[in-house]
Protein backbone atom coordinates (compact mmCIF):
# COMPACT_ATOMS: atom_id res chain seq x y z
CA UNK A 1 -18.90 -20.68 -16.14
CA UNK A 2 -14.70 -19.00 -16.25
CA UNK A 3 -14.23 -16.94 -12.54
CA UNK A 4 -13.12 -13.49 -13.96
CA UNK A 5 -10.10 -11.83 -13.16
CA UNK A 6 -9.43 -9.70 -10.52
CA UNK A 7 -9.40 -5.76 -11.05
CA UNK A 8 -6.35 -4.46 -10.39
CA UNK A 9 -8.04 -2.68 -7.59
CA UNK A 10 -9.31 -5.39 -5.64
CA UNK A 11 -5.68 -7.39 -6.02
CA UNK A 12 -4.01 -4.38 -3.90
CA UNK A 13 -6.88 -3.55 -1.67
CA UNK A 14 -5.08 -6.00 0.84
CA UNK A 15 -1.99 -3.42 0.59
CA UNK A 16 -4.31 -0.56 1.00
CA UNK A 17 -5.43 -2.17 4.11
CA UNK A 18 -1.81 -2.43 5.10
CA UNK A 19 -1.07 1.44 4.17
CA UNK A 20 -3.80 2.63 6.62
CA UNK A 21 -2.73 0.22 9.04
CA UNK A 22 0.92 1.57 9.09
CA UNK A 23 -0.77 4.83 9.26
CA UNK A 24 -2.28 4.62 12.14
CA UNK A 25 0.14 2.10 13.46
CA UNK A 26 3.20 4.80 13.26
CA UNK A 27 0.61 6.95 15.16
CA UNK A 28 0.88 9.52 11.66
CA UNK A 29 -3.00 11.52 12.12
CA UNK A 30 -3.38 12.42 8.21
CA UNK A 31 -4.98 10.43 5.63
CA UNK A 32 -2.20 8.70 3.01
CA UNK A 33 -2.25 11.05 0.48
CA UNK A 34 -1.38 13.52 2.34
CA UNK A 35 1.85 12.80 4.00
CA UNK A 36 5.24 14.35 3.59
CA UNK A 37 7.43 11.89 1.25
CA UNK A 38 9.83 11.10 3.74
CA UNK A 39 6.58 9.11 5.85
CA UNK A 40 4.96 8.01 2.88
CA UNK A 41 8.77 5.87 2.70
CA UNK A 42 8.31 5.18 5.99
CA UNK A 43 4.74 3.57 5.87
CA UNK A 44 5.64 1.98 2.19
CA UNK A 45 8.34 0.20 4.53
CA UNK A 46 5.68 -1.14 7.40
CA UNK A 47 3.81 -2.41 4.22
CA UNK A 48 6.37 -4.17 2.86
CA UNK A 49 7.45 -5.41 5.89
CA UNK A 50 4.54 -7.11 7.20
CA UNK A 51 3.85 -8.38 3.60
CA UNK A 52 7.69 -10.46 4.07
CA UNK A 53 6.63 -11.49 7.03
CA UNK A 54 3.32 -13.11 5.70
CA UNK A 55 5.28 -14.74 3.29
CA UNK A 56 3.96 -12.33 0.48
CA UNK A 57 5.92 -11.74 -2.24
CA UNK A 58 5.05 -7.89 -3.46
CA UNK A 59 4.56 -7.13 -7.51
CA UNK A 60 6.91 -5.49 -9.39
CA UNK A 61 6.49 -1.66 -9.49
CA UNK A 62 3.95 -2.32 -6.60
CA UNK A 63 5.25 1.06 -4.75
CA UNK A 64 3.79 2.62 -7.67
CA UNK A 65 0.36 1.55 -8.08
CA UNK A 66 0.06 2.21 -4.82
CA UNK A 67 0.41 5.48 -4.54
CA UNK A 68 -1.89 6.24 -7.77
CA UNK A 69 -4.52 4.20 -6.14
CA UNK A 70 -3.70 5.80 -2.83
CA UNK A 71 -3.90 9.35 -4.65
CA UNK A 72 -0.14 9.63 -4.48
CA UNK A 73 1.84 11.66 -6.68
CA UNK A 74 4.42 10.17 -6.20
CA UNK A 75 5.70 6.45 -5.53
């Protein structure tokens, strides 16, 4: 039996976890969807750096998709 493809939500689970870690490591205390835009950009930069250090290539449009999955209105 052929395995089912993962849903985008499952594919972005490691990135959502990385967002939570970045929020914590940056000393931010609110939920990701409540962050000011400048703090959200810092979190995205941290996620991108973490992925790069681990040798992962992020898909095109990952910022927008991640923002939607984290409940944000802007990427």
